Amino acid sequence: MLNNYPHLDEALKKLSVHQLTISEASEHYDLPKRVIYKALRQQQARISQQKTYLLAAQKRLQQHLQTVELELANFN
């Protein structure tokens, strides 16, 4: 459904940097507000998922670094 709106990506970019409100984007790009809301919710879900993944990866890397540091300390 969201693929049927060619200007949606551009509208989302402008919304994300607060250049437009949802109402302004709806009028300017001739998009239904419900489509913009749905796209924003999907975008937020993706961002949240990516953030969760990155935080878990950061934790794993920190643990790995600590292990390597301990091994190096024991090696010397």
N, C-alpha and C. Protein backbone atom coordinates (compact mmCIF):
# COMPACT_ATOMS: atom_id res chain seq x y z
N MET A 1 0.83 -1.20 0.00
CA MET A 1 0.00 0.00 0.00
C MET A 1 0.87 1.26 0.00
N LEU A 2 1.90 1.29 0.82
CA LEU A 2 2.73 2.49 0.92
C LEU A 2 3.59 2.71 -0.33
N ASN A 3 3.79 1.66 -1.11
CA ASN A 3 4.59 1.79 -2.33
C ASN A 3 3.86 2.59 -3.41
N ASN A 4 2.56 2.79 -3.24
CA ASN A 4 1.77 3.51 -4.24
C ASN A 4 1.93 5.03 -4.16
N TYR A 5 2.76 5.51 -3.25
CA TYR A 5 2.91 6.94 -3.03
C TYR A 5 4.37 7.34 -3.29
N PRO A 6 4.66 7.83 -4.49
CA PRO A 6 6.05 8.10 -4.87
C PRO A 6 6.73 9.20 -4.05
N HIS A 7 5.98 10.14 -3.49
CA HIS A 7 6.59 11.25 -2.75
C HIS A 7 6.66 10.98 -1.24
N LEU A 8 6.27 9.79 -0.83
CA LEU A 8 6.22 9.47 0.59
C LEU A 8 7.60 9.54 1.24
N ASP A 9 8.62 9.01 0.59
CA ASP A 9 9.98 9.05 1.16
C ASP A 9 10.44 10.48 1.39
N GLU A 10 10.20 11.33 0.41
CA GLU A 10 10.60 12.73 0.54
C GLU A 10 9.85 13.41 1.69
N ALA A 11 8.57 13.11 1.80
CA ALA A 11 7.76 13.68 2.88
C ALA A 11 8.28 13.20 4.24
N LEU A 12 8.63 11.92 4.35
CA LEU A 12 9.14 11.38 5.61
C LEU A 12 10.47 12.04 5.99
N LYS A 13 11.30 12.29 5.00
CA LYS A 13 12.58 12.95 5.29
C LYS A 13 12.34 14.35 5.85
N LYS A 14 11.42 15.08 5.24
CA LYS A 14 11.14 16.43 5.72
C LYS A 14 10.47 16.41 7.10
N LEU A 15 9.66 15.39 7.34
CA LEU A 15 9.03 15.26 8.66
C LEU A 15 10.08 14.93 9.71
N SER A 16 11.05 14.10 9.36
CA SER A 16 12.04 13.67 10.35
C SER A 16 12.95 14.80 10.80
N VAL A 17 13.14 15.80 9.97
CA VAL A 17 13.97 16.95 10.36
C VAL A 17 13.10 18.16 10.71
N HIS A 18 11.82 17.90 10.94
CA HIS A 18 10.86 18.92 11.41
C HIS A 18 10.72 20.10 10.46
N GLN A 19 10.88 19.84 9.16
CA GLN A 19 10.64 20.91 8.19
C GLN A 19 9.15 21.03 7.86
N LEU A 20 8.41 19.94 8.06
CA LEU A 20 6.99 19.94 7.79
C LEU A 20 6.24 19.23 8.92
N THR A 21 4.99 19.63 9.11
CA THR A 21 4.12 18.87 10.00
C THR A 21 3.42 17.81 9.15
N ILE A 22 2.73 16.91 9.80
CA ILE A 22 2.01 15.87 9.06
C ILE A 22 0.93 16.51 8.18
N SER A 23 0.25 17.51 8.72
CA SER A 23 -0.80 18.19 7.93
C SER A 23 -0.20 18.89 6.72
N GLU A 24 0.94 19.57 6.93
CA GLU A 24 1.59 20.26 5.80
C GLU A 24 2.07 19.26 4.76
N ALA A 25 2.65 18.15 5.21
CA ALA A 25 3.14 17.13 4.27
C ALA A 25 1.97 16.53 3.50
N SER A 26 0.86 16.32 4.18
CA SER A 26 -0.33 15.77 3.53
C SER A 26 -0.81 16.69 2.41
N GLU A 27 -0.83 17.97 2.69
CA GLU A 27 -1.28 18.94 1.68
C GLU A 27 -0.24 19.11 0.57
N HIS A 28 1.02 19.26 0.96
CA HIS A 28 2.07 19.56 0.00
C HIS A 28 2.31 18.41 -0.98
N TYR A 29 2.29 17.19 -0.49
CA TYR A 29 2.57 16.03 -1.33
C TYR A 29 1.33 15.27 -1.75
N ASP A 30 0.17 15.81 -1.40
CA ASP A 30 -1.12 15.20 -1.74
C ASP A 30 -1.17 13.75 -1.27
N LEU A 31 -0.84 13.55 0.00
CA LEU A 31 -0.86 12.22 0.61
C LEU A 31 -1.89 12.19 1.73
N PRO A 32 -2.62 11.08 1.86
CA PRO A 32 -3.55 10.97 2.99
C PRO A 32 -2.78 10.93 4.31
N LYS A 33 -3.32 11.58 5.31
CA LYS A 33 -2.65 11.61 6.62
C LYS A 33 -2.45 10.20 7.18
N ARG A 34 -3.43 9.32 6.95
CA ARG A 34 -3.32 7.95 7.48
C ARG A 34 -2.12 7.22 6.88
N VAL A 35 -1.80 7.51 5.62
CA VAL A 35 -0.64 6.90 4.96
C VAL A 35 0.65 7.41 5.61
N ILE A 36 0.68 8.70 5.88
CA ILE A 36 1.87 9.29 6.53
C ILE A 36 2.03 8.72 7.93
N TYR A 37 0.94 8.64 8.69
CA TYR A 37 1.00 8.08 10.05
C TYR A 37 1.52 6.64 10.02
N LYS A 38 0.97 5.85 9.09
CA LYS A 38 1.38 4.44 9.00
C LYS A 38 2.86 4.33 8.64
N ALA A 39 3.30 5.13 7.69
CA ALA A 39 4.71 5.10 7.28
C ALA A 39 5.61 5.54 8.43
N LEU A 40 5.20 6.55 9.19
CA LEU A 40 5.98 6.99 10.34
C LEU A 40 6.07 5.91 11.41
N ARG A 41 4.97 5.22 11.66
CA ARG A 41 4.99 4.13 12.65
C ARG A 41 5.93 3.01 12.20
N GLN A 42 5.89 2.67 10.91
CA GLN A 42 6.79 1.64 10.40
C GLN A 42 8.24 2.08 10.50
N GLN A 43 8.50 3.34 10.18
CA GLN A 43 9.86 3.87 10.26
C GLN A 43 10.35 3.84 11.71
N GLN A 44 9.51 4.24 12.64
CA GLN A 44 9.89 4.21 14.05
C GLN A 44 10.15 2.79 14.54
N ALA A 45 9.35 1.85 14.07
CA ALA A 45 9.55 0.44 14.45
C ALA A 45 10.90 -0.06 13.94
N ARG A 46 11.24 0.28 12.70
CA ARG A 46 12.54 -0.11 12.13
C ARG A 46 13.69 0.52 12.91
N ILE A 47 13.55 1.79 13.24
CA ILE A 47 14.60 2.49 13.99
C ILE A 47 14.76 1.86 15.37
N SER A 48 13.66 1.55 16.02
CA SER A 48 13.71 0.93 17.34
C SER A 48 14.38 -0.44 17.27
N GLN A 49 14.05 -1.19 16.25
CA GLN A 49 14.66 -2.52 16.06
C GLN A 49 16.16 -2.39 15.82
N GLN A 50 16.56 -1.44 14.99
CA GLN A 50 17.98 -1.21 14.72
C GLN A 50 18.71 -0.76 15.98
N LYS A 51 18.08 0.09 16.76
CA LYS A 51 18.70 0.57 17.99
C LYS A 51 18.92 -0.59 18.96
N THR A 52 17.92 -1.45 19.10
CA THR A 52 18.04 -2.62 19.96
C THR A 52 19.19 -3.51 19.51
N TYR A 53 19.28 -3.74 18.20
CA TYR A 53 20.35 -4.57 17.66
C TYR A 53 21.72 -3.93 17.93
N LEU A 54 21.83 -2.64 17.70
CA LEU A 54 23.11 -1.96 17.91
C LEU A 54 23.53 -1.95 19.37
N LEU A 55 22.58 -1.78 20.28
CA LEU A 55 22.91 -1.82 21.70
C LEU A 55 23.39 -3.21 22.12
N ALA A 56 22.76 -4.25 21.60
CA ALA A 56 23.19 -5.62 21.90
C ALA A 56 24.57 -5.88 21.32
N ALA A 57 24.81 -5.41 20.10
CA ALA A 57 26.13 -5.58 19.47
C ALA A 57 27.20 -4.83 20.26
N GLN A 58 26.87 -3.65 20.72
CA GLN A 58 27.82 -2.86 21.52
C GLN A 58 28.17 -3.61 22.81
N LYS A 59 27.17 -4.18 23.45
CA LYS A 59 27.40 -4.92 24.69
C LYS A 59 28.30 -6.13 24.43
N ARG A 60 28.02 -6.87 23.35
CA ARG A 60 28.85 -8.03 23.00
C ARG A 60 30.29 -7.61 22.74
N LEU A 61 30.46 -6.51 22.02
CA LEU A 61 31.81 -6.03 21.71
C LEU A 61 32.56 -5.58 22.97
N GLN A 62 31.85 -4.93 23.87
CA GLN A 62 32.48 -4.52 25.13
C GLN A 62 32.92 -5.74 25.94
N GLN A 63 32.07 -6.76 25.97
CA GLN A 63 32.42 -7.98 26.70
C GLN A 63 33.63 -8.66 26.04
N HIS A 64 33.64 -8.69 24.73
CA HIS A 64 34.75 -9.29 24.00
C HIS A 64 36.04 -8.51 24.27
N LEU A 65 35.96 -7.20 24.28
CA LEU A 65 37.12 -6.37 24.57
C LEU A 65 37.66 -6.63 25.97
N GLN A 66 36.77 -6.76 26.92
CA GLN A 66 37.19 -7.05 28.29
C GLN A 66 37.91 -8.40 28.35
N THR A 67 37.38 -9.38 27.64
CA THR A 67 38.01 -10.70 27.61
C THR A 67 39.40 -10.62 27.00
N VAL A 68 39.53 -9.90 25.91
CA VAL A 68 40.82 -9.75 25.24
C VAL A 68 41.80 -9.02 26.15
N GLU A 69 41.32 -7.97 26.81
CA GLU A 69 42.19 -7.23 27.73
C GLU A 69 42.68 -8.12 28.87
N LEU A 70 41.79 -8.96 29.41
CA LEU A 70 42.18 -9.88 30.48
C LEU A 70 43.21 -10.91 29.98
N GLU A 71 42.99 -11.42 28.79
CA GLU A 71 43.93 -12.37 28.21
C GLU A 71 45.31 -11.73 27.98
N LEU A 72 45.29 -10.49 27.51
CA LEU A 72 46.55 -9.77 27.31
C LEU A 72 47.26 -9.52 28.63
N ALA A 73 46.50 -9.16 29.66
CA ALA A 73 47.10 -8.91 30.96
C ALA A 73 47.71 -10.20 31.52
N ASN A 74 47.05 -11.31 31.32
CA ASN A 74 47.58 -12.60 31.79
C ASN A 74 48.77 -13.06 30.96
N PHE A 75 48.79 -12.67 29.72
CA PHE A 75 49.87 -13.06 28.80
C PHE A 75 51.17 -12.38 29.20
N ASN A 76 51.08 -11.12 29.64
CA ASN A 76 52.26 -10.35 30.03
C ASN A 76 52.67 -10.82 31.37
